[in-house]
Structure formats: structure tokens, C-alpha cells
Amino acid sequence: MSENSSIEWTNHTFNPWWGCHKVSPACQHCYAETLAKSIGHKVWGTNAPRRFFGEKYWANPIKWNKDAELNGERKRVFCASMADVFESREELDEWRGKLWELIDKTPNLDWLLLTKRPKNIESMVPWTDDWPDNVWIGTTVENQKYADERLPHLLKHNAKVRFLSCEPILGPVDLEKWMEPDRANALYGIDWIIAGGESGPEARPMNPNWVRSLRDQAISHDVPFFFKQWGQWAVRSELPEETTGKTTYVDGIEMIRLKSKKLVDRTLDDTTWDEFPVLDDESEGCEWDDYTDEEFDDQQPTFPNGSIAAYLNLCRGWRANLDEYGDFSEESNLEHPDFPGIALPIFEIIDEDKFDYFLAKFYAQAVAYGESKTMTKVVRALSKND
């Protein structure tokens, strides 16, 4: 269990047990196995036991749920960082049942269930078409082979969010046929893509173009994209000349092995990609007349990456383009050219204070518009000139 996890795309981690066995190339240098062994727990392999935990441990998500409710801010829980919830072992059935009960008791937590065994989901979850609103289901996709093998099993499920973890990414991945719903085959589309390179002493180098391709596919389909890390390798030409380390070439690109993954930041082409799914229920509390100038500083409604103030910091660059959309000396309703159907309320935004108020109201209405991919487009458009 980890409260305030260091994993960039989650808030907490929770493990109903420790232990697993390897099923694909992404597992080859498993960090969880290395960690478990380093503290004396031999729980990896088909014949190894699993490690279980007591009631004190299982009470932690109840506390997180209460805190989230009191703070009015949902929290994400990655389950499981030290196991696979959908590993097929008879003694795990009891603990899976306990997990489903816990998820039901914690409606203010979004449970991110990540698996390399999506074919087992259908037979192991207690839900069919009516999935809980606080369950996101994801699978690891390290190369094209496992995209083609795993995605049909993942995308059949009507979870709130269906996501991919392309980490470690070990080859190019074409997701085009999976990005949008496929009604003919009763498949949903992809809602979120996480990508990153491998870390650790035996890490394999990543071609940066593999990640760029995933980013570009996400952008073209308005799917949120999260670039987690370069990992243990970075592009040699993008580092200072004095940087030393083992080098190798991946598809003609020179990569250098770093002593620590922290020696490079998480930017991809000068941008930090920290996008999250925007859920329909995040529009609650954002009705058109919720804000007044006097109340604005005190209002901190929950949005995907924090408060509305955080979004305003991203959006200020958009101010330079306001004159394209009409006469701002009069109250009017316009449409942003990129988002037909989303009206832009203009309230004599001449001074700085009114500009912040305008942006707050625009984003509130955009969220109230209530469609995840549209929200991704809105956020990108507002921040692109920052």
C-alpha cells in the first residue's frame, strides 16, 4: 500500500496481495518482483506462494475515501502495483471478492485495475453491463502483438474508463482500429493512453518515435495521453555533450543509458503530457451561474488535474486569440470555432479580473457539455498558446 504514491498517474496504490508470474516480454524485468525479493519475499512464479495482508491494511482505502469525500476531490488508486488482480489462482478468489466489496464501499475513489490478463476479466468481475462508476479497467500493451491479443478482451467491457499502459513500450504500436467504438464487434473505444520507457538495471532502450506515434494517435482521436517517463535511456543528441554512459542505436537513433532516470525530465518534444480522462460527473457543481467575481477566488471545484485555478494558469496564453472571436466590448454569446455547440459567454471582459472570470465560466460550460473527448480538445486548445 502506498498513500501519496510516487507513480505519476495515480494518487495511491493498493495491493490485495503480493506476487505474480510472468506472461509476456513486459514482465521480463519486473520492478515488483525485484522489490519483493529485495525485502525477502519470494512470491514470484507459478509455484510460489502469495503474500496477503490483514484488516489494518485493508482499512486504508476506507480512510482515503473519507478524506476524498471531505475534500470534495476524487482520488485515483492503482490496483495492483505488486500483483495482477486477474491472475488465475484458486486461493485468490476469496481476496478478489474482498476487493470488489471494498470498491463498492469507496465511491469517492477511482480504482484503476491494470492487468496483463484481460481475457480473465469477464469471468472474475461481479459486473456485466452495469459497471460501477469508480472502476477504470486497463491493460498493458508493450508491442503490436499484445495490442492485438489483449485489446479485444479489454474493450468489450462497459467500464467508466478503458485505458492502456504502454510501459515499458518495446516496439511500435498501431492502435487505429481500437481508438473508436466498434459497434459491429461490440467493442468500446480507448479512453486513455499511458506510455513510457523502461527503468532499472536491465532496462531496454525505447525508440522515441514509438511514443510520438502513440501521442499523435491519441491527439488525432481526442484521447488523453500521459507520458510517464523516458526510463533508463534517453536520446543522446538531446543531452549535454559531457553526459557519459553506454550508448546504443535503436532504429538509427543513438540512445544513452543514464545512471538515474531522474537525470532527464518527463517532457516529450518540449511538452509535459499529463492528460487524464475527463469524466461526465466532473461537470457537477459547474452550472452556468455558479460563479461570481467575489466568490471566484474561494471556489475550488474538482477538475481532472486539480482546481479551476490550475486550468487558468494553463489557459492564459489563449488570451492573445480572444479578438478573433468577436467584439468583447458588448455582452454576447459566441462559439469557439474548434468546438461547435459550446457557447462562449462574454461579460465585457476588458480588464484582467473579467478575463479570469470569462475563462472560468467558459471552462465550466465546457465541462458541463459533458463529453470526455470534447473536454480533451478544450483543454488542449486553451493551453496551446501558453
Protein backbone atom coordinates (compact mmCIF):
# COMPACT_ATOMS: atom_id res chain seq x y z
CA MET A 1 0.00 0.00 0.00
CA SER A 2 1.22 3.48 -0.76
CA GLU A 3 -0.55 6.67 0.17
CA ASN A 4 0.53 9.61 -1.99
CA SER A 5 2.20 7.29 -4.49
CA SER A 6 5.27 8.38 -6.47
CA ILE A 7 3.70 6.89 -9.62
CA GLU A 8 2.81 9.99 -11.59
CA TRP A 9 -0.62 8.94 -12.87
CA THR A 10 -2.12 7.79 -9.56
CA ASN A 11 -2.64 9.17 -6.07
CA HIS A 12 -2.43 5.90 -4.12
CA THR A 13 -1.58 2.26 -4.74
CA PHE A 14 -3.30 -0.76 -3.19
CA ASN A 15 -2.42 -4.45 -3.44
CA PRO A 16 -4.90 -7.14 -2.36
CA TRP A 17 -1.86 -9.45 -2.32
CA TRP A 18 1.75 -9.58 -3.49
CA GLY A 19 3.05 -11.94 -6.15
CA CYS A 20 2.52 -12.94 -9.75
CA HIS A 21 4.06 -14.91 -12.61
CA LYS A 22 5.39 -13.63 -15.92
CA VAL A 23 3.27 -13.81 -19.07
CA SER A 24 4.86 -11.53 -21.70
CA PRO A 25 8.02 -9.53 -22.59
CA ALA A 26 6.88 -6.54 -20.49
CA CYS A 27 7.31 -8.76 -17.43
CA GLN A 28 10.94 -9.62 -18.15
CA HIS A 29 12.48 -7.07 -15.77
CA CYS A 30 9.56 -6.73 -13.38
CA TYR A 31 10.16 -3.99 -10.82
CA ALA A 32 7.66 -5.55 -8.44
CA GLU A 33 9.50 -8.88 -8.41
CA THR A 34 12.79 -7.08 -7.80
CA LEU A 35 11.29 -5.10 -4.93
CA ALA A 36 9.71 -8.15 -3.32
CA LYS A 37 12.96 -10.13 -3.48
CA SER A 38 14.95 -7.22 -2.07
CA ILE A 39 12.94 -7.36 1.16
CA GLY A 40 12.91 -11.13 1.41
CA HIS A 41 9.58 -12.11 -0.17
CA LYS A 42 9.82 -14.93 -2.73
CA VAL A 43 6.32 -14.59 -4.19
CA TRP A 44 7.00 -14.70 -7.95
CA GLY A 45 6.31 -17.71 -10.11
CA THR A 46 3.51 -20.22 -10.61
CA ASN A 47 4.64 -22.37 -7.67
CA ALA A 48 5.48 -19.56 -5.25
CA PRO A 49 3.03 -18.54 -2.50
CA ARG A 50 1.35 -15.15 -2.48
CA ARG A 51 1.62 -12.65 0.33
CA PHE A 52 -1.62 -11.47 1.95
CA PHE A 53 -2.45 -8.67 4.39
CA GLY A 54 -4.60 -8.07 7.45
CA GLU A 55 -7.57 -5.85 8.21
CA LYS A 56 -5.46 -2.86 9.20
CA TYR A 57 -4.04 -2.72 5.69
CA TRP A 58 -7.46 -3.16 4.09
CA ALA A 59 -8.81 -0.24 6.13
CA ASN A 60 -6.57 2.28 4.39
CA PRO A 61 -8.80 2.84 1.31
CA ILE A 62 -11.73 3.47 3.66
CA LYS A 63 -9.71 6.34 5.13
CA TRP A 64 -8.74 7.62 1.68
CA ASN A 65 -12.39 7.53 0.64
CA LYS A 66 -13.43 9.53 3.68
CA ASP A 67 -10.71 12.11 3.06
CA ALA A 68 -11.70 12.40 -0.60
CA GLU A 69 -15.33 12.97 0.38
CA LEU A 70 -14.41 15.63 2.95
CA ASN A 71 -12.12 17.43 0.50
CA GLY A 72 -14.54 17.17 -2.41
CA GLU A 73 -11.81 15.72 -4.61
CA ARG A 74 -11.75 12.22 -6.10
CA LYS A 75 -8.55 10.19 -5.79
CA ARG A 76 -7.14 7.54 -8.13
CA VAL A 77 -6.00 4.17 -6.72
CA PHE A 78 -3.73 1.95 -8.82
CA CYS A 79 -4.53 -1.71 -8.16
CA ALA A 80 -2.29 -3.62 -8.19
CA SER A 81 1.31 -2.48 -8.39
CA MET A 82 2.68 -5.70 -6.83
CA ALA A 83 0.31 -8.24 -8.37
CA ASP A 84 -2.23 -8.82 -11.12
CA VAL A 85 -5.82 -8.74 -9.89
CA PHE A 86 -6.83 -11.12 -12.69
CA GLU A 87 -4.21 -13.82 -12.14
CA SER A 88 -5.94 -17.20 -12.22
CA ARG A 89 -5.25 -18.98 -8.91
CA GLU A 90 -7.92 -20.59 -6.80
CA GLU A 91 -6.73 -19.14 -3.49
CA LEU A 92 -7.06 -15.60 -4.91
CA ASP A 93 -10.84 -15.83 -5.44
CA GLU A 94 -11.59 -15.01 -1.82
CA TRP A 95 -9.34 -11.95 -1.91
CA ARG A 96 -10.78 -10.75 -5.21
CA GLY A 97 -14.24 -10.91 -3.64
CA LYS A 98 -12.96 -8.84 -0.75
CA LEU A 99 -11.60 -6.30 -3.24
CA TRP A 100 -14.94 -5.98 -5.06
CA GLU A 101 -16.63 -5.28 -1.70
CA LEU A 102 -14.01 -2.65 -0.89
CA ILE A 103 -14.51 -0.93 -4.24
CA ASP A 104 -18.24 -0.78 -3.52
CA LYS A 105 -17.56 0.86 -0.13
CA THR A 106 -15.29 3.57 -1.58
CA PRO A 107 -17.32 5.53 -4.17
CA ASN A 108 -15.04 8.58 -3.89
CA LEU A 109 -12.03 6.61 -5.15
CA ASP A 110 -11.45 5.72 -8.78
CA TRP A 111 -9.95 2.22 -8.87
CA LEU A 112 -7.52 1.71 -11.75
CA LEU A 113 -7.36 -2.04 -12.31
CA LEU A 114 -4.38 -2.73 -14.60
CA THR A 115 -3.82 -6.25 -15.90
CA LYS A 116 -1.82 -8.27 -18.40
CA ARG A 117 -4.63 -10.85 -18.35
CA PRO A 118 -7.70 -9.04 -19.75
CA LYS A 119 -9.12 -12.33 -21.05
CA ASN A 120 -9.87 -13.20 -17.39
CA ILE A 121 -11.80 -10.01 -16.62
CA GLU A 122 -15.19 -11.25 -17.73
CA SER A 123 -15.13 -14.39 -15.59
CA MET A 124 -13.72 -12.72 -12.48
CA VAL A 125 -15.56 -9.41 -12.03
CA PRO A 126 -19.05 -9.38 -10.45
CA TRP A 127 -20.33 -6.85 -13.02
CA THR A 128 -21.66 -7.33 -16.55
CA ASP A 129 -23.06 -4.31 -18.39
CA ASP A 130 -23.58 -2.25 -15.25
CA TRP A 131 -20.06 -1.47 -14.05
CA PRO A 132 -19.53 0.84 -11.05
CA ASP A 133 -18.71 4.44 -11.88
CA ASN A 134 -15.49 4.23 -9.86
CA VAL A 135 -13.81 1.40 -11.78
CA TRP A 136 -11.34 2.02 -14.60
CA ILE A 137 -10.04 -1.06 -16.39
CA GLY A 138 -6.71 -1.17 -18.22
CA THR A 139 -4.21 -3.49 -19.84
CA THR A 140 -0.51 -3.40 -20.60
CA VAL A 141 0.38 -3.10 -24.29
CA GLU A 142 4.13 -3.29 -24.89
CA ASN A 143 4.10 -4.01 -28.63
CA GLN A 144 1.74 -4.73 -31.52
CA LYS A 145 1.40 -8.43 -30.74
CA TYR A 146 -0.05 -7.75 -27.30
CA ALA A 147 -2.21 -4.89 -28.55
CA ASP A 148 -3.87 -7.27 -30.99
CA GLU A 149 -4.13 -10.02 -28.38
CA ARG A 150 -5.34 -8.06 -25.36
CA LEU A 151 -7.46 -5.18 -26.62
CA PRO A 152 -10.44 -7.24 -27.84
CA HIS A 153 -10.75 -8.60 -24.29
CA LEU A 154 -10.37 -5.19 -22.64
CA LEU A 155 -12.63 -3.16 -24.89
CA LYS A 156 -15.68 -5.39 -24.55
CA HIS A 157 -16.27 -4.05 -21.03
CA ASN A 158 -18.52 -1.11 -20.21
CA ALA A 159 -16.25 0.35 -17.55
CA LYS A 160 -16.16 4.08 -16.84
CA VAL A 161 -12.68 4.29 -18.41
CA ARG A 162 -10.75 1.79 -20.54
CA PHE A 163 -7.04 2.60 -20.58
CA LEU A 164 -3.70 1.32 -21.87
CA SER A 165 -0.32 1.27 -20.16
CA CYS A 166 2.28 1.17 -22.93
CA GLU A 167 5.11 0.93 -20.41
CA PRO A 168 7.61 -0.40 -21.00
CA ILE A 169 7.00 0.20 -24.67
CA LEU A 170 9.12 -2.30 -26.61
CA GLY A 171 8.06 -1.64 -30.19
CA PRO A 172 5.77 0.41 -32.43
CA VAL A 173 2.04 0.08 -31.75
CA ASP A 174 -0.72 0.95 -34.21
CA LEU A 175 -3.97 1.48 -32.28
CA GLU A 176 -6.01 2.93 -35.12
CA LYS A 177 -8.61 0.19 -35.27
CA TRP A 178 -9.10 0.28 -31.50
CA MET A 179 -9.40 4.03 -30.87
CA GLU A 180 -13.09 4.43 -31.63
CA PRO A 181 -16.05 2.20 -30.68
CA ASP A 182 -16.56 -0.77 -32.99
CA ARG A 183 -20.29 -1.48 -32.84
CA ALA A 184 -20.06 -4.36 -35.30
CA ASN A 185 -17.88 -6.27 -32.85
CA ALA A 186 -19.45 -4.85 -29.67
CA LEU A 187 -16.23 -3.10 -28.61
CA TYR A 188 -15.81 0.24 -26.87
CA GLY A 189 -13.01 2.67 -27.73
CA ILE A 190 -9.83 3.57 -25.84
CA ASP A 191 -10.29 6.36 -23.27
CA TRP A 192 -6.72 6.98 -22.08
CA ILE A 193 -3.15 6.09 -23.07
CA ILE A 194 -0.17 5.99 -20.70
CA ALA A 195 3.28 5.48 -22.23
CA GLY A 196 6.86 5.31 -21.03
CA GLY A 197 10.25 3.70 -21.25
CA GLU A 198 11.70 1.01 -19.02
CA SER A 199 13.78 1.74 -15.91
CA GLY A 200 16.05 -0.44 -13.82
CA PRO A 201 19.47 -2.06 -14.24
CA GLU A 202 18.42 -4.24 -17.19
CA ALA A 203 16.19 -1.69 -18.92
CA ARG A 204 15.73 -1.96 -22.67
CA PRO A 205 16.03 1.25 -24.76
CA MET A 206 12.98 2.86 -26.27
CA ASN A 207 12.75 4.43 -29.71
CA PRO A 208 11.23 7.90 -29.05
CA ASN A 209 9.24 7.62 -32.26
CA TRP A 210 7.22 4.76 -30.73
CA VAL A 211 5.98 7.17 -28.08
CA ARG A 212 5.47 10.01 -30.53
CA SER A 213 3.29 7.74 -32.61
CA LEU A 214 1.11 6.92 -29.60
CA ARG A 215 0.83 10.61 -28.75
CA ASP A 216 -0.14 11.50 -32.31
CA GLN A 217 -2.74 8.73 -32.46
CA ALA A 218 -4.19 9.97 -29.16
CA ILE A 219 -4.34 13.55 -30.41
CA SER A 220 -5.99 12.57 -33.69
CA HIS A 221 -8.78 10.81 -31.78
CA ASP A 222 -9.03 13.30 -28.87
CA VAL A 223 -7.89 10.67 -26.39
CA PRO A 224 -5.96 11.89 -23.30
CA PHE A 225 -2.25 11.00 -23.36
CA PHE A 226 0.12 10.65 -20.40
CA PHE A 227 3.88 10.35 -20.92
CA LYS A 228 5.22 8.88 -17.70
CA GLN A 229 8.98 8.64 -18.22
CA TRP A 230 11.90 8.15 -20.56
CA GLY A 231 13.18 5.47 -18.24
CA GLN A 232 16.82 4.48 -18.08
CA TRP A 233 17.63 5.59 -21.64
CA ALA A 234 17.46 8.98 -23.36
CA VAL A 235 18.20 10.42 -26.80
CA ARG A 236 21.93 11.18 -26.89
CA SER A 237 21.59 14.29 -29.06
CA GLU A 238 19.18 15.90 -26.59
CA LEU A 239 21.61 15.76 -23.65
CA PRO A 240 24.69 17.88 -22.83
CA GLU A 241 27.86 16.75 -24.60
CA GLU A 242 29.54 15.94 -21.28
CA THR A 243 26.89 13.32 -20.44
CA THR A 244 28.54 9.91 -20.27
CA GLY A 245 27.18 6.39 -20.36
CA LYS A 246 26.73 3.31 -22.51
CA THR A 247 25.23 4.06 -25.93
CA THR A 248 23.32 2.00 -28.44
CA TYR A 249 21.23 2.60 -31.54
CA VAL A 250 17.51 1.90 -31.87
CA ASP A 251 16.35 2.15 -35.48
CA GLY A 252 19.21 4.54 -36.20
CA ILE A 253 18.64 6.79 -33.16
CA GLU A 254 21.53 6.96 -30.70
CA MET A 255 20.38 6.33 -27.13
CA ILE A 256 22.45 6.71 -23.98
CA ARG A 257 21.99 4.81 -20.74
CA LEU A 258 21.59 7.07 -17.71
CA LYS A 259 22.78 6.42 -14.17
CA SER A 260 19.35 7.54 -12.98
CA LYS A 261 16.08 8.10 -14.84
CA LYS A 262 15.80 11.36 -12.87
CA LEU A 263 18.60 12.87 -14.98
CA VAL A 264 16.04 13.69 -17.67
CA ASP A 265 12.65 15.30 -17.26
CA ARG A 266 9.32 13.88 -18.45
CA THR A 267 8.92 16.13 -21.46
CA LEU A 268 8.31 14.81 -24.96
CA ASP A 269 9.13 17.36 -27.67
CA ASP A 270 9.26 20.12 -25.04
CA THR A 271 5.82 19.30 -23.62
CA THR A 272 4.85 17.52 -20.42
CA TRP A 273 1.94 15.24 -21.30
CA ASP A 274 -0.10 14.83 -18.12
CA GLU A 275 -3.58 14.35 -19.58
CA PHE A 276 -6.29 12.42 -17.76
CA PRO A 277 -9.78 11.33 -18.77
CA VAL A 278 -12.42 13.98 -18.08
CA LEU A 279 -15.47 12.24 -16.69
CA ASP A 280 -19.06 13.34 -17.20
CA ASP A 281 -19.74 13.55 -13.47
CA GLU A 282 -16.98 16.14 -13.09
CA SER A 283 -19.44 18.63 -14.58
CA GLU A 284 -21.43 18.52 -11.35
CA GLY A 285 -21.25 21.82 -9.48
CA CYS A 286 -20.22 23.72 -12.61
CA GLU A 287 -23.55 25.15 -13.69
CA TRP A 288 -23.52 28.39 -15.62
CA ASP A 289 -24.32 30.74 -12.73
CA ASP A 290 -22.21 29.07 -10.04
CA TYR A 291 -19.53 31.77 -10.00
CA THR A 292 -19.48 35.46 -9.19
CA ASP A 293 -16.48 37.77 -9.22
CA GLU A 294 -16.48 37.92 -5.42
CA GLU A 295 -16.75 34.16 -4.99
CA PHE A 296 -14.28 33.16 -7.68
CA ASP A 297 -11.15 33.06 -5.51
CA ASP A 298 -12.88 30.85 -2.96
CA GLN A 299 -14.31 28.32 -5.42
CA GLN A 300 -12.12 25.27 -5.97
CA PRO A 301 -14.27 22.79 -7.91
CA THR A 302 -12.62 19.49 -8.74
CA PHE A 303 -11.36 19.06 -12.30
CA PRO A 304 -9.15 16.34 -13.81
CA ASN A 305 -5.81 17.77 -12.63
CA GLY A 306 -6.95 20.00 -9.78
CA SER A 307 -8.83 23.25 -9.30
CA ILE A 308 -10.14 25.65 -11.90
CA ALA A 309 -7.29 27.96 -10.89
CA ALA A 310 -4.83 25.34 -12.15
CA TYR A 311 -6.58 25.36 -15.51
CA LEU A 312 -6.49 29.16 -15.66
CA ASN A 313 -2.71 29.01 -15.35
CA LEU A 314 -2.66 26.82 -18.46
CA CYS A 315 -5.21 28.95 -20.30
CA ARG A 316 -3.77 32.45 -20.07
CA GLY A 317 -1.91 32.12 -23.35
CA TRP A 318 -5.26 31.85 -25.10
CA ARG A 319 -5.97 35.49 -24.28
CA ALA A 320 -3.99 36.62 -27.29
CA ASN A 321 -6.55 34.96 -29.56
CA LEU A 322 -9.70 36.39 -27.99
CA ASP A 323 -10.09 39.16 -30.53
CA GLU A 324 -10.59 36.55 -33.26
CA TYR A 325 -13.93 35.59 -31.80
CA GLY A 326 -15.87 38.84 -31.70
CA ASP A 327 -16.47 42.23 -30.16
CA PHE A 328 -15.71 41.91 -26.47
CA SER A 329 -16.98 45.34 -25.52
CA GLU A 330 -20.53 44.02 -25.51
CA GLU A 331 -22.17 41.06 -23.84
CA SER A 332 -22.55 38.33 -26.41
CA ASN A 333 -22.61 34.59 -26.96
CA LEU A 334 -20.18 33.14 -29.46
CA GLU A 335 -18.90 29.73 -30.42
CA HIS A 336 -15.28 28.70 -30.29
CA PRO A 337 -14.51 27.70 -33.91
CA ASP A 338 -12.96 24.41 -32.81
CA PHE A 339 -15.94 23.43 -30.64
CA PRO A 340 -19.29 23.92 -32.35
CA GLY A 341 -22.10 23.91 -29.84
CA ILE A 342 -20.07 25.25 -26.92
CA ALA A 343 -21.09 28.86 -26.39
CA LEU A 344 -18.53 31.36 -25.14
CA PRO A 345 -20.12 33.80 -22.69
CA ILE A 346 -18.61 37.25 -22.90
CA PHE A 347 -19.19 39.64 -20.00
CA GLU A 348 -17.45 42.86 -21.02
CA ILE A 349 -14.07 41.28 -20.49
CA ILE A 350 -11.96 44.37 -20.72
CA ASP A 351 -9.90 44.27 -17.51
CA GLU A 352 -7.79 41.47 -16.05
CA ASP A 353 -10.31 40.39 -13.44
CA LYS A 354 -13.03 39.96 -16.02
CA PHE A 355 -10.70 37.87 -18.17
CA ASP A 356 -10.26 35.30 -15.38
CA TYR A 357 -13.99 35.29 -14.83
CA PHE A 358 -14.60 34.69 -18.53
CA LEU A 359 -12.24 31.73 -18.64
CA ALA A 360 -13.75 30.23 -15.52
CA LYS A 361 -17.23 30.42 -16.98
CA PHE A 362 -16.13 29.10 -20.36
CA TYR A 363 -14.48 26.04 -18.85
CA ALA A 364 -17.42 25.46 -16.53
CA GLN A 365 -19.75 25.33 -19.51
CA ALA A 366 -17.31 23.17 -21.47
CA VAL A 367 -17.22 20.62 -18.67
CA ALA A 368 -20.99 20.80 -18.36
CA TYR A 369 -21.10 19.95 -22.07
CA GLY A 370 -20.12 16.58 -20.68
CA GLU A 371 -18.23 14.57 -23.30
CA SER A 372 -14.76 13.31 -22.49
CA LYS A 373 -13.12 13.71 -25.89
CA THR A 374 -14.54 17.19 -26.32
CA MET A 375 -13.07 18.11 -22.95
CA THR A 376 -9.66 16.92 -24.08
CA LYS A 377 -9.92 19.17 -27.15
CA VAL A 378 -10.96 22.12 -24.99
CA VAL A 379 -8.01 21.73 -22.62
CA ARG A 380 -5.53 21.38 -25.47
CA ALA A 381 -6.89 24.42 -27.31
CA LEU A 382 -6.86 26.60 -24.22
CA SER A 383 -3.30 25.67 -23.31
CA LYS A 384 -1.65 25.51 -26.73
CA ASN A 385 -0.60 29.18 -26.68
CA ASP A 386 0.54 29.18 -23.06
